[in-house]
Amino acid sequence: MEWALDHDVDVYVMSFSVPELGAFRAHWRMLAEHAALAGLFVVSGAGNFGRPGSDGYAPVPKQLRSPEDIPLAVFGVSGIGATGRRPAFSSRGPVLWDVVHYDEGLVDKPDLATINDDVPVLGTDGRVLPRRGGGNSYAGPHLAAVLALMLEADPDLTPWAARALLSETAIDRGPMGFDPLFGAGLVDAFAAVRAVERRRLGR
């Protein structure tokens, strides 16, 4: 993240999940908060630990690990598949914060959803391969691309403003309102960019 800030990177995407960090989890959160305050849009897939019996499975509130469990400073992204349903592997919230300096208790996560299953996969020659991909490592980059479009519409957009606009324009999925499967809902790229443009023009 420090390197990204030094090189004027706008959006930083992570595709890893670290469990059981203990008190060191607070350092990860502080790092992400400082990066976001410096203008870096920090994104992480929500993890693939939701299917009981699978490798890495963890019960709620530990399905989302670090860094996707960090509130506000990190966009933790789950997703839906081509059928419009949540894949069983997708981690769900909420998460528990009970470490030094951060002891809010249960915190709502994930934040948003994009597409995370039955995704076309490109070969090195640019052609679509016969297999399809799945996992929240697809969901994070999808949101990163939407954030890049939003920043194109307004380079002065902050992570906090982007989060609010994404949540307001998301398509509700699952239980009504914010929920532990899809967060604020399925990201609507077109609506989000239009909302940025209207905000920038003061309309």
N, C-alpha and C. Protein backbone atom coordinates (compact mmCIF):
# COMPACT_ATOMS: atom_id res chain seq x y z
N MET A 1 0.83 -1.20 0.00
CA MET A 1 0.00 0.00 0.00
C MET A 1 0.87 1.25 0.00
N GLU A 2 1.96 1.20 0.75
CA GLU A 2 2.88 2.34 0.77
C GLU A 2 3.47 2.56 -0.61
N TRP A 3 3.87 1.47 -1.27
CA TRP A 3 4.40 1.56 -2.63
C TRP A 3 3.35 2.15 -3.56
N ALA A 4 2.10 1.69 -3.42
CA ALA A 4 1.02 2.17 -4.28
C ALA A 4 0.83 3.68 -4.12
N LEU A 5 0.85 4.15 -2.89
CA LEU A 5 0.70 5.59 -2.65
C LEU A 5 1.88 6.36 -3.22
N ASP A 6 3.08 5.82 -3.06
CA ASP A 6 4.28 6.49 -3.58
C ASP A 6 4.26 6.60 -5.10
N HIS A 7 3.52 5.69 -5.76
CA HIS A 7 3.48 5.67 -7.22
C HIS A 7 2.13 6.15 -7.78
N ASP A 8 1.39 6.89 -6.96
CA ASP A 8 0.12 7.52 -7.40
C ASP A 8 -0.90 6.51 -7.92
N VAL A 9 -0.91 5.33 -7.33
CA VAL A 9 -1.93 4.33 -7.65
C VAL A 9 -3.25 4.78 -7.01
N ASP A 10 -4.35 4.58 -7.70
CA ASP A 10 -5.65 4.96 -7.16
C ASP A 10 -6.37 3.80 -6.47
N VAL A 11 -6.35 2.62 -7.12
CA VAL A 11 -7.10 1.48 -6.62
C VAL A 11 -6.15 0.30 -6.38
N TYR A 12 -6.24 -0.29 -5.20
CA TYR A 12 -5.35 -1.37 -4.79
C TYR A 12 -6.20 -2.59 -4.45
N VAL A 13 -5.99 -3.69 -5.17
CA VAL A 13 -6.83 -4.88 -5.00
C VAL A 13 -6.02 -6.01 -4.37
N MET A 14 -6.60 -6.64 -3.35
CA MET A 14 -5.96 -7.77 -2.67
C MET A 14 -6.79 -9.02 -2.87
N SER A 15 -6.10 -10.15 -3.05
CA SER A 15 -6.79 -11.41 -3.25
C SER A 15 -6.16 -12.48 -2.35
N PHE A 16 -6.16 -12.19 -1.06
CA PHE A 16 -5.67 -13.16 -0.08
C PHE A 16 -6.44 -12.96 1.21
N SER A 17 -6.47 -13.96 2.06
CA SER A 17 -7.19 -13.89 3.33
C SER A 17 -6.33 -14.52 4.41
N VAL A 18 -6.04 -13.77 5.45
CA VAL A 18 -5.17 -14.26 6.52
C VAL A 18 -6.00 -14.46 7.78
N PRO A 19 -6.09 -15.71 8.28
CA PRO A 19 -6.90 -15.96 9.49
C PRO A 19 -6.09 -15.80 10.77
N GLU A 20 -6.80 -15.67 11.86
CA GLU A 20 -6.24 -15.76 13.22
C GLU A 20 -5.00 -14.90 13.42
N LEU A 21 -5.10 -13.63 13.10
CA LEU A 21 -3.97 -12.72 13.30
C LEU A 21 -3.87 -12.21 14.73
N GLY A 22 -4.89 -12.45 15.53
CA GLY A 22 -4.86 -11.98 16.91
C GLY A 22 -4.76 -10.47 16.99
N ALA A 23 -3.94 -9.99 17.92
CA ALA A 23 -3.80 -8.55 18.12
C ALA A 23 -3.17 -7.87 16.90
N PHE A 24 -2.40 -8.62 16.09
CA PHE A 24 -1.77 -8.04 14.91
C PHE A 24 -2.80 -7.58 13.89
N ARG A 25 -4.03 -8.08 14.03
CA ARG A 25 -5.13 -7.65 13.15
C ARG A 25 -5.33 -6.13 13.24
N ALA A 26 -5.10 -5.55 14.40
CA ALA A 26 -5.24 -4.11 14.57
C ALA A 26 -4.25 -3.35 13.70
N HIS A 27 -3.05 -3.89 13.51
CA HIS A 27 -2.04 -3.23 12.67
C HIS A 27 -2.50 -3.20 11.22
N TRP A 28 -3.07 -4.32 10.75
CA TRP A 28 -3.60 -4.37 9.38
C TRP A 28 -4.67 -3.31 9.19
N ARG A 29 -5.55 -3.19 10.19
CA ARG A 29 -6.64 -2.22 10.07
C ARG A 29 -6.10 -0.79 10.07
N MET A 30 -5.15 -0.51 10.93
CA MET A 30 -4.58 0.83 10.98
C MET A 30 -3.88 1.18 9.67
N LEU A 31 -3.16 0.22 9.10
CA LEU A 31 -2.50 0.42 7.82
C LEU A 31 -3.52 0.76 6.73
N ALA A 32 -4.61 0.00 6.67
CA ALA A 32 -5.63 0.23 5.66
C ALA A 32 -6.32 1.58 5.86
N GLU A 33 -6.56 1.95 7.10
CA GLU A 33 -7.20 3.23 7.38
C GLU A 33 -6.31 4.40 6.95
N HIS A 34 -5.02 4.29 7.24
CA HIS A 34 -4.09 5.34 6.83
C HIS A 34 -4.03 5.45 5.31
N ALA A 35 -4.01 4.29 4.63
CA ALA A 35 -3.96 4.30 3.16
C ALA A 35 -5.21 4.93 2.57
N ALA A 36 -6.38 4.59 3.12
CA ALA A 36 -7.63 5.15 2.62
C ALA A 36 -7.68 6.66 2.86
N LEU A 37 -7.22 7.10 4.02
CA LEU A 37 -7.20 8.54 4.30
C LEU A 37 -6.26 9.28 3.37
N ALA A 38 -5.23 8.57 2.87
CA ALA A 38 -4.31 9.17 1.92
C ALA A 38 -4.85 9.12 0.49
N GLY A 39 -6.05 8.54 0.30
CA GLY A 39 -6.69 8.54 -1.00
C GLY A 39 -6.66 7.24 -1.76
N LEU A 40 -6.14 6.17 -1.15
CA LEU A 40 -6.08 4.88 -1.84
C LEU A 40 -7.40 4.12 -1.65
N PHE A 41 -7.95 3.63 -2.75
CA PHE A 41 -9.17 2.82 -2.71
C PHE A 41 -8.72 1.37 -2.53
N VAL A 42 -8.96 0.81 -1.35
CA VAL A 42 -8.45 -0.52 -1.00
C VAL A 42 -9.59 -1.53 -1.13
N VAL A 43 -9.38 -2.55 -1.96
CA VAL A 43 -10.43 -3.53 -2.29
C VAL A 43 -9.93 -4.94 -1.98
N SER A 44 -10.81 -5.78 -1.47
CA SER A 44 -10.45 -7.18 -1.22
C SER A 44 -11.65 -8.08 -1.47
N GLY A 45 -11.42 -9.21 -2.12
CA GLY A 45 -12.46 -10.22 -2.23
C GLY A 45 -12.82 -10.71 -0.84
N ALA A 46 -14.08 -11.13 -0.66
CA ALA A 46 -14.58 -11.48 0.68
C ALA A 46 -14.11 -12.83 1.19
N GLY A 47 -13.42 -13.60 0.35
CA GLY A 47 -12.97 -14.92 0.79
C GLY A 47 -13.93 -16.02 0.36
N ASN A 48 -13.40 -17.24 0.34
CA ASN A 48 -14.14 -18.40 -0.16
C ASN A 48 -14.25 -19.48 0.92
N PHE A 49 -14.73 -19.07 2.10
CA PHE A 49 -14.71 -19.98 3.25
C PHE A 49 -16.10 -20.23 3.81
N GLY A 50 -17.12 -20.15 2.93
CA GLY A 50 -18.49 -20.29 3.40
C GLY A 50 -19.09 -21.68 3.33
N ARG A 51 -18.43 -22.62 2.63
CA ARG A 51 -19.02 -23.96 2.46
C ARG A 51 -18.55 -24.89 3.57
N PRO A 52 -19.45 -25.36 4.43
CA PRO A 52 -19.04 -26.28 5.50
C PRO A 52 -18.32 -27.51 4.94
N GLY A 53 -17.22 -27.89 5.59
CA GLY A 53 -16.46 -29.05 5.16
C GLY A 53 -15.38 -28.75 4.15
N SER A 54 -15.37 -27.56 3.59
CA SER A 54 -14.34 -27.21 2.61
C SER A 54 -13.08 -26.74 3.31
N ASP A 55 -11.96 -26.72 2.57
CA ASP A 55 -10.70 -26.24 3.12
C ASP A 55 -10.85 -24.79 3.57
N GLY A 56 -10.45 -24.51 4.78
CA GLY A 56 -10.48 -23.14 5.28
C GLY A 56 -11.82 -22.70 5.82
N TYR A 57 -12.84 -23.60 5.78
CA TYR A 57 -14.15 -23.18 6.29
C TYR A 57 -14.03 -22.64 7.71
N ALA A 58 -14.75 -21.57 7.98
CA ALA A 58 -14.82 -21.01 9.33
C ALA A 58 -16.24 -20.56 9.59
N PRO A 59 -16.71 -20.72 10.82
CA PRO A 59 -18.07 -20.25 11.12
C PRO A 59 -18.11 -18.73 11.20
N VAL A 60 -19.29 -18.17 10.98
CA VAL A 60 -19.50 -16.74 11.22
C VAL A 60 -19.29 -16.53 12.73
N PRO A 61 -18.56 -15.50 13.18
CA PRO A 61 -18.15 -14.30 12.46
C PRO A 61 -16.70 -14.30 11.98
N LYS A 62 -16.17 -15.48 11.59
CA LYS A 62 -14.77 -15.54 11.15
C LYS A 62 -14.61 -15.93 9.69
N GLN A 63 -15.70 -15.93 8.92
CA GLN A 63 -15.57 -16.30 7.51
C GLN A 63 -14.83 -15.26 6.71
N LEU A 64 -15.03 -13.99 7.01
CA LEU A 64 -14.24 -12.94 6.38
C LEU A 64 -13.02 -12.70 7.25
N ARG A 65 -11.85 -12.81 6.65
CA ARG A 65 -10.60 -12.70 7.38
C ARG A 65 -9.96 -11.35 7.08
N SER A 66 -8.72 -11.18 7.49
CA SER A 66 -7.99 -9.95 7.15
C SER A 66 -7.40 -10.10 5.75
N PRO A 67 -7.53 -9.09 4.90
CA PRO A 67 -7.93 -7.70 5.15
C PRO A 67 -9.39 -7.39 4.82
N GLU A 68 -10.15 -8.35 4.29
CA GLU A 68 -11.52 -8.03 3.84
C GLU A 68 -12.48 -7.78 5.00
N ASP A 69 -12.03 -8.07 6.22
CA ASP A 69 -12.88 -7.84 7.39
C ASP A 69 -12.77 -6.42 7.94
N ILE A 70 -11.92 -5.58 7.36
CA ILE A 70 -11.67 -4.23 7.88
C ILE A 70 -12.82 -3.30 7.49
N PRO A 71 -13.48 -2.68 8.48
CA PRO A 71 -14.61 -1.80 8.18
C PRO A 71 -14.16 -0.50 7.51
N LEU A 72 -15.01 0.01 6.63
CA LEU A 72 -14.91 1.33 6.02
C LEU A 72 -13.69 1.54 5.13
N ALA A 73 -12.50 1.23 5.62
CA ALA A 73 -11.28 1.50 4.84
C ALA A 73 -11.06 0.49 3.72
N VAL A 74 -11.62 -0.71 3.84
CA VAL A 74 -11.46 -1.75 2.82
C VAL A 74 -12.83 -2.14 2.28
N PHE A 75 -12.96 -2.13 0.95
CA PHE A 75 -14.18 -2.62 0.32
C PHE A 75 -14.10 -4.15 0.28
N GLY A 76 -14.82 -4.83 1.16
CA GLY A 76 -14.87 -6.29 1.15
C GLY A 76 -15.99 -6.74 0.23
N VAL A 77 -15.64 -7.51 -0.83
CA VAL A 77 -16.60 -7.78 -1.91
C VAL A 77 -16.93 -9.26 -2.02
N SER A 78 -18.20 -9.59 -1.89
CA SER A 78 -18.68 -10.95 -2.17
C SER A 78 -19.30 -10.94 -3.56
N GLY A 79 -20.16 -11.90 -3.85
CA GLY A 79 -20.72 -11.87 -5.20
C GLY A 79 -21.81 -12.88 -5.46
N ILE A 80 -22.26 -12.85 -6.70
CA ILE A 80 -23.25 -13.79 -7.21
C ILE A 80 -22.69 -14.44 -8.47
N GLY A 81 -23.28 -15.57 -8.83
CA GLY A 81 -22.88 -16.25 -10.05
C GLY A 81 -23.77 -15.88 -11.22
N ALA A 82 -23.56 -16.55 -12.33
CA ALA A 82 -24.32 -16.26 -13.55
C ALA A 82 -25.82 -16.53 -13.36
N THR A 83 -26.16 -17.41 -12.42
CA THR A 83 -27.57 -17.72 -12.18
C THR A 83 -28.25 -16.65 -11.33
N GLY A 84 -27.47 -15.71 -10.80
CA GLY A 84 -28.04 -14.70 -9.93
C GLY A 84 -28.12 -15.11 -8.48
N ARG A 85 -27.54 -16.28 -8.15
CA ARG A 85 -27.57 -16.76 -6.78
C ARG A 85 -26.18 -16.73 -6.16
N ARG A 86 -26.11 -16.66 -4.86
CA ARG A 86 -24.83 -16.65 -4.13
C ARG A 86 -24.25 -18.06 -4.13
N PRO A 87 -23.00 -18.21 -4.59
CA PRO A 87 -22.35 -19.52 -4.51
C PRO A 87 -22.10 -19.90 -3.05
N ALA A 88 -22.17 -21.18 -2.75
CA ALA A 88 -22.00 -21.64 -1.37
C ALA A 88 -20.63 -21.30 -0.80
N PHE A 89 -19.61 -21.18 -1.67
CA PHE A 89 -18.26 -20.91 -1.16
C PHE A 89 -18.10 -19.49 -0.62
N SER A 90 -18.95 -18.57 -1.03
CA SER A 90 -18.74 -17.16 -0.73
C SER A 90 -18.91 -16.87 0.76
N SER A 91 -17.89 -16.27 1.36
CA SER A 91 -17.91 -15.97 2.79
C SER A 91 -19.00 -14.95 3.12
N ARG A 92 -19.55 -15.09 4.32
CA ARG A 92 -20.61 -14.20 4.76
C ARG A 92 -20.24 -13.53 6.08
N GLY A 93 -20.88 -12.41 6.34
CA GLY A 93 -20.64 -11.68 7.58
C GLY A 93 -21.67 -12.03 8.62
N PRO A 94 -21.70 -11.28 9.72
CA PRO A 94 -20.82 -10.15 10.04
C PRO A 94 -19.46 -10.63 10.53
N VAL A 95 -18.60 -9.66 10.91
CA VAL A 95 -17.30 -9.99 11.49
C VAL A 95 -17.23 -9.43 12.90
N LEU A 96 -16.37 -10.02 13.71
CA LEU A 96 -16.22 -9.60 15.11
C LEU A 96 -14.91 -8.84 15.28
N TRP A 97 -15.01 -7.64 15.84
CA TRP A 97 -13.82 -6.86 16.18
C TRP A 97 -13.75 -6.73 17.69
N ASP A 98 -12.73 -7.39 18.25
CA ASP A 98 -12.55 -7.38 19.71
C ASP A 98 -11.07 -7.33 20.07
N VAL A 99 -10.30 -6.54 19.29
CA VAL A 99 -8.87 -6.41 19.53
C VAL A 99 -8.58 -5.02 20.10
N VAL A 100 -7.36 -4.82 20.56
CA VAL A 100 -6.99 -3.54 21.16
C VAL A 100 -7.21 -2.40 20.17
N HIS A 101 -7.81 -1.33 20.62
CA HIS A 101 -8.15 -0.13 19.85
C HIS A 101 -9.37 -0.32 18.95
N TYR A 102 -9.75 -1.55 18.66
CA TYR A 102 -10.89 -1.81 17.77
C TYR A 102 -11.77 -2.88 18.42
N ASP A 103 -12.74 -2.46 19.17
CA ASP A 103 -13.57 -3.42 19.89
C ASP A 103 -15.06 -3.11 19.74
N GLU A 104 -15.47 -2.81 18.49
CA GLU A 104 -16.87 -2.48 18.23
C GLU A 104 -17.82 -3.67 18.39
N GLY A 105 -17.28 -4.88 18.42
CA GLY A 105 -18.13 -6.06 18.44
C GLY A 105 -18.45 -6.49 17.01
N LEU A 106 -19.68 -6.91 16.77
CA LEU A 106 -20.06 -7.36 15.43
C LEU A 106 -20.19 -6.19 14.48
N VAL A 107 -19.56 -6.31 13.32
CA VAL A 107 -19.55 -5.25 12.30
C VAL A 107 -20.09 -5.83 11.00
N ASP A 108 -20.95 -5.07 10.32
CA ASP A 108 -21.54 -5.53 9.06
C ASP A 108 -20.47 -5.70 7.98
N LYS A 109 -20.47 -6.81 7.33
CA LYS A 109 -19.62 -7.15 6.19
C LYS A 109 -20.31 -8.29 5.47
N PRO A 110 -20.06 -8.56 4.21
CA PRO A 110 -19.24 -7.79 3.26
C PRO A 110 -19.94 -6.48 2.91
N ASP A 111 -19.26 -5.65 2.13
CA ASP A 111 -19.80 -4.33 1.82
C ASP A 111 -20.70 -4.34 0.59
N LEU A 112 -20.27 -5.06 -0.44
CA LEU A 112 -20.96 -5.04 -1.73
C LEU A 112 -20.78 -6.40 -2.40
N ALA A 113 -21.47 -6.58 -3.51
CA ALA A 113 -21.33 -7.81 -4.29
C ALA A 113 -21.14 -7.46 -5.77
N THR A 114 -20.33 -8.28 -6.45
CA THR A 114 -20.21 -8.20 -7.91
C THR A 114 -20.39 -9.62 -8.45
N ILE A 115 -19.72 -9.96 -9.53
CA ILE A 115 -19.84 -11.31 -10.11
C ILE A 115 -18.64 -12.14 -9.65
N ASN A 116 -18.91 -13.31 -9.09
CA ASN A 116 -17.81 -14.12 -8.54
C ASN A 116 -17.85 -15.58 -8.95
N ASP A 117 -18.73 -15.95 -9.87
CA ASP A 117 -18.79 -17.36 -10.24
C ASP A 117 -19.23 -17.50 -11.70
N ASP A 118 -18.76 -18.59 -12.33
CA ASP A 118 -19.07 -18.87 -13.74
C ASP A 118 -18.58 -17.72 -14.62
N VAL A 119 -17.36 -17.26 -14.33
CA VAL A 119 -16.78 -16.11 -15.02
C VAL A 119 -15.94 -16.59 -16.21
N PRO A 120 -16.07 -15.99 -17.40
CA PRO A 120 -15.22 -16.37 -18.53
C PRO A 120 -13.74 -16.15 -18.18
N VAL A 121 -12.90 -17.08 -18.62
CA VAL A 121 -11.46 -17.01 -18.35
C VAL A 121 -10.72 -16.85 -19.67
N LEU A 122 -9.82 -15.87 -19.72
CA LEU A 122 -9.05 -15.63 -20.93
C LEU A 122 -7.70 -16.34 -20.87
N GLY A 123 -7.28 -16.88 -22.01
CA GLY A 123 -5.94 -17.45 -22.12
C GLY A 123 -4.93 -16.35 -22.39
N THR A 124 -3.66 -16.72 -22.42
CA THR A 124 -2.59 -15.73 -22.65
C THR A 124 -2.66 -15.12 -24.04
N ASP A 125 -3.37 -15.80 -24.95
CA ASP A 125 -3.51 -15.27 -26.31
C ASP A 125 -4.76 -14.41 -26.46
N GLY A 126 -5.50 -14.20 -25.35
CA GLY A 126 -6.69 -13.35 -25.39
C GLY A 126 -7.97 -14.07 -25.72
N ARG A 127 -7.88 -15.37 -26.06
CA ARG A 127 -9.10 -16.11 -26.38
C ARG A 127 -9.75 -16.67 -25.12
N VAL A 128 -11.08 -16.80 -25.17
CA VAL A 128 -11.82 -17.33 -24.03
C VAL A 128 -11.58 -18.84 -23.94
N LEU A 129 -11.19 -19.30 -22.75
CA LEU A 129 -10.93 -20.72 -22.53
C LEU A 129 -12.25 -21.47 -22.31
N PRO A 130 -12.26 -22.80 -22.53
CA PRO A 130 -13.50 -23.56 -22.34
C PRO A 130 -13.94 -23.66 -20.88
N ARG A 131 -13.02 -23.49 -19.93
CA ARG A 131 -13.41 -23.56 -18.52
C ARG A 131 -13.88 -22.20 -18.02
N ARG A 132 -14.57 -22.20 -16.89
CA ARG A 132 -15.06 -20.96 -16.27
C ARG A 132 -14.42 -20.83 -14.89
N GLY A 133 -14.30 -19.60 -14.41
CA GLY A 133 -13.67 -19.36 -13.13
C GLY A 133 -14.68 -19.03 -12.05
N GLY A 134 -14.25 -19.21 -10.80
CA GLY A 134 -15.10 -18.87 -9.68
C GLY A 134 -14.30 -18.54 -8.44
N GLY A 135 -14.82 -17.68 -7.60
CA GLY A 135 -14.16 -17.28 -6.38
C GLY A 135 -14.22 -15.77 -6.21
N ASN A 136 -14.10 -15.32 -4.98
CA ASN A 136 -14.17 -13.89 -4.74
C ASN A 136 -12.93 -13.14 -5.19
N SER A 137 -11.93 -13.86 -5.68
CA SER A 137 -10.80 -13.20 -6.35
C SER A 137 -11.25 -12.57 -7.67
N TYR A 138 -12.40 -12.95 -8.17
CA TYR A 138 -13.00 -12.30 -9.34
C TYR A 138 -13.84 -11.09 -8.90
N ALA A 139 -14.45 -11.19 -7.74
CA ALA A 139 -15.34 -10.11 -7.28
C ALA A 139 -14.57 -8.83 -7.00
N GLY A 140 -13.40 -8.94 -6.37
CA GLY A 140 -12.62 -7.75 -6.03
C GLY A 140 -12.19 -6.95 -7.25
N PRO A 141 -11.55 -7.57 -8.25
CA PRO A 141 -11.16 -6.81 -9.45
C PRO A 141 -12.34 -6.21 -10.20
N HIS A 142 -13.49 -6.87 -10.15
CA HIS A 142 -14.68 -6.32 -10.79
C HIS A 142 -15.02 -4.97 -10.15
N LEU A 143 -15.01 -4.93 -8.81
CA LEU A 143 -15.30 -3.66 -8.14
C LEU A 143 -14.20 -2.64 -8.42
N ALA A 144 -12.95 -3.09 -8.47
CA ALA A 144 -11.85 -2.17 -8.76
C ALA A 144 -12.06 -1.47 -10.09
N ALA A 145 -12.55 -2.20 -11.09
CA ALA A 145 -12.81 -1.61 -12.40
C ALA A 145 -13.92 -0.56 -12.31
N VAL A 146 -14.95 -0.85 -11.51
CA VAL A 146 -16.04 0.12 -11.34
C VAL A 146 -15.51 1.37 -10.65
N LEU A 147 -14.67 1.19 -9.64
CA LEU A 147 -14.08 2.35 -8.95
C LEU A 147 -13.24 3.18 -9.91
N ALA A 148 -12.51 2.52 -10.81
CA ALA A 148 -11.71 3.26 -11.80
C ALA A 148 -12.61 4.11 -12.70
N LEU A 149 -13.76 3.57 -13.08
CA LEU A 149 -14.72 4.34 -13.89
C LEU A 149 -15.25 5.53 -13.10
N MET A 150 -15.52 5.31 -11.82
CA MET A 150 -16.02 6.40 -10.98
C MET A 150 -14.97 7.50 -10.83
N LEU A 151 -13.72 7.10 -10.69
CA LEU A 151 -12.63 8.08 -10.57
C LEU A 151 -12.39 8.81 -11.88
N GLU A 152 -12.66 8.16 -13.00
CA GLU A 152 -12.57 8.83 -14.30
C GLU A 152 -13.61 9.95 -14.38
N ALA A 153 -14.77 9.69 -13.79
CA ALA A 153 -15.84 10.70 -13.79
C ALA A 153 -15.54 11.84 -12.82
N ASP A 154 -14.81 11.54 -11.74
CA ASP A 154 -14.44 12.57 -10.77
C ASP A 154 -13.14 12.16 -10.07
N PRO A 155 -12.01 12.67 -10.55
CA PRO A 155 -10.71 12.31 -9.96
C PRO A 155 -10.56 12.71 -8.50
N ASP A 156 -11.42 13.61 -8.01
CA ASP A 156 -11.35 14.06 -6.62
C ASP A 156 -12.24 13.24 -5.69
N LEU A 157 -12.86 12.20 -6.21
CA LEU A 157 -13.72 11.35 -5.40
C LEU A 157 -12.92 10.69 -4.28
N THR A 158 -13.49 10.64 -3.08
CA THR A 158 -12.83 9.98 -1.96
C THR A 158 -13.37 8.56 -1.78
N PRO A 159 -12.62 7.68 -1.11
CA PRO A 159 -13.16 6.34 -0.84
C PRO A 159 -14.48 6.37 -0.09
N TRP A 160 -14.66 7.32 0.83
CA TRP A 160 -15.88 7.38 1.63
C TRP A 160 -17.07 7.77 0.77
N ALA A 161 -16.87 8.75 -0.13
CA ALA A 161 -17.95 9.17 -1.02
C ALA A 161 -18.29 8.06 -2.00
N ALA A 162 -17.28 7.36 -2.51
CA ALA A 162 -17.52 6.25 -3.44
C ALA A 162 -18.31 5.15 -2.76
N ARG A 163 -17.97 4.84 -1.52
CA ARG A 163 -18.70 3.80 -0.78
C ARG A 163 -20.17 4.17 -0.65
N ALA A 164 -20.44 5.42 -0.31
CA ALA A 164 -21.83 5.86 -0.15
C ALA A 164 -22.59 5.76 -1.47
N LEU A 165 -21.97 6.20 -2.57
CA LEU A 165 -22.64 6.16 -3.87
C LEU A 165 -22.86 4.73 -4.35
N LEU A 166 -21.88 3.88 -4.15
CA LEU A 166 -22.03 2.47 -4.53
C LEU A 166 -23.16 1.81 -3.76
N SER A 167 -23.25 2.11 -2.47
CA SER A 167 -24.30 1.52 -1.64
C SER A 167 -25.67 2.04 -2.03
N GLU A 168 -25.75 3.33 -2.35
CA GLU A 168 -27.04 3.93 -2.73
C GLU A 168 -27.55 3.40 -4.07
N THR A 169 -26.64 3.07 -4.98
CA THR A 169 -27.05 2.66 -6.32
C THR A 169 -27.05 1.15 -6.52
N ALA A 170 -26.60 0.39 -5.52
CA ALA A 170 -26.52 -1.07 -5.64
C ALA A 170 -27.92 -1.68 -5.79
N ILE A 171 -27.99 -2.80 -6.48
CA ILE A 171 -29.25 -3.52 -6.67
C ILE A 171 -29.41 -4.50 -5.51
N ASP A 172 -30.46 -4.32 -4.75
CA ASP A 172 -30.66 -5.13 -3.54
C ASP A 172 -30.81 -6.60 -3.90
N ARG A 173 -30.11 -7.46 -3.17
CA ARG A 173 -30.20 -8.91 -3.36
C ARG A 173 -30.45 -9.54 -1.99
N GLY A 174 -30.99 -10.75 -1.99
CA GLY A 174 -31.21 -11.43 -0.72
C GLY A 174 -32.22 -10.70 0.15
N PRO A 175 -32.06 -10.81 1.48
CA PRO A 175 -32.98 -10.09 2.39
C PRO A 175 -32.95 -8.60 2.11
N MET A 176 -34.07 -7.93 2.32
CA MET A 176 -34.18 -6.51 2.00
C MET A 176 -33.19 -5.68 2.82
N GLY A 177 -32.54 -4.74 2.16
CA GLY A 177 -31.57 -3.89 2.82
C GLY A 177 -30.21 -4.56 2.93
N PHE A 178 -29.33 -3.98 3.75
CA PHE A 178 -27.99 -4.54 3.94
C PHE A 178 -28.12 -5.92 4.57
N ASP A 179 -27.39 -6.89 4.03
CA ASP A 179 -27.45 -8.25 4.58
C ASP A 179 -26.07 -8.88 4.57
N PRO A 180 -25.87 -9.96 5.32
CA PRO A 180 -24.54 -10.56 5.47
C PRO A 180 -24.08 -11.40 4.28
N LEU A 181 -24.90 -11.51 3.24
CA LEU A 181 -24.52 -12.26 2.05
C LEU A 181 -24.00 -11.34 0.95
N PHE A 182 -24.72 -10.25 0.70
CA PHE A 182 -24.42 -9.35 -0.42
C PHE A 182 -24.10 -7.93 0.01
N GLY A 183 -24.07 -7.66 1.31
CA GLY A 183 -23.84 -6.29 1.78
C GLY A 183 -24.95 -5.37 1.31
N ALA A 184 -24.56 -4.24 0.73
CA ALA A 184 -25.55 -3.27 0.24
C ALA A 184 -26.22 -3.72 -1.04
N GLY A 185 -25.66 -4.76 -1.70
CA GLY A 185 -26.27 -5.27 -2.91
C GLY A 185 -25.29 -5.41 -4.06
N LEU A 186 -25.81 -5.78 -5.21
CA LEU A 186 -25.02 -5.99 -6.42
C LEU A 186 -24.66 -4.64 -7.04
N VAL A 187 -23.38 -4.42 -7.25
CA VAL A 187 -22.90 -3.14 -7.79
C VAL A 187 -23.49 -2.91 -9.18
N ASP A 188 -23.99 -1.70 -9.39
CA ASP A 188 -24.52 -1.27 -10.68
C ASP A 188 -23.55 -0.21 -11.22
N ALA A 189 -22.64 -0.61 -12.10
CA ALA A 189 -21.58 0.28 -12.57
C ALA A 189 -22.14 1.53 -13.24
N PHE A 190 -23.14 1.37 -14.11
CA PHE A 190 -23.70 2.50 -14.82
C PHE A 190 -24.32 3.51 -13.85
N ALA A 191 -25.13 2.99 -12.91
CA ALA A 191 -25.79 3.87 -11.95
C ALA A 191 -24.78 4.56 -11.05
N ALA A 192 -23.72 3.86 -10.67
CA ALA A 192 -22.71 4.44 -9.80
C ALA A 192 -21.98 5.58 -10.48
N VAL A 193 -21.59 5.38 -11.74
CA VAL A 193 -20.89 6.43 -12.47
C VAL A 193 -21.80 7.63 -12.70
N ARG A 194 -23.07 7.38 -13.03
CA ARG A 194 -24.02 8.48 -13.21
C ARG A 194 -24.17 9.26 -11.90
N ALA A 195 -24.19 8.55 -10.78
CA ALA A 195 -24.32 9.22 -9.48
C ALA A 195 -23.11 10.09 -9.21
N VAL A 196 -21.92 9.64 -9.59
CA VAL A 196 -20.72 10.45 -9.43
C VAL A 196 -20.82 11.72 -10.27
N GLU A 197 -21.26 11.57 -11.51
CA GLU A 197 -21.38 12.72 -12.41
C GLU A 197 -22.38 13.74 -11.86
N ARG A 198 -23.51 13.25 -11.37
CA ARG A 198 -24.52 14.16 -10.81
C ARG A 198 -23.97 14.87 -9.57
N ARG A 199 -23.22 14.14 -8.76
CA ARG A 199 -22.64 14.74 -7.55
C ARG A 199 -21.63 15.81 -7.92
N ARG A 200 -20.80 15.53 -8.91
CA ARG A 200 -19.77 16.47 -9.33
C ARG A 200 -20.38 17.75 -9.90
N LEU A 201 -21.50 17.60 -10.60
CA LEU A 201 -22.18 18.75 -11.22
C LEU A 201 -23.14 19.44 -10.25
N GLY A 202 -23.27 18.86 -9.04
CA GLY A 202 -24.15 19.47 -8.05
C GLY A 202 -25.61 19.31 -8.32
N ARG A 203 -25.97 18.18 -8.99
CA ARG A 203 -27.38 17.96 -9.31
C ARG A 203 -27.91 16.75 -8.55
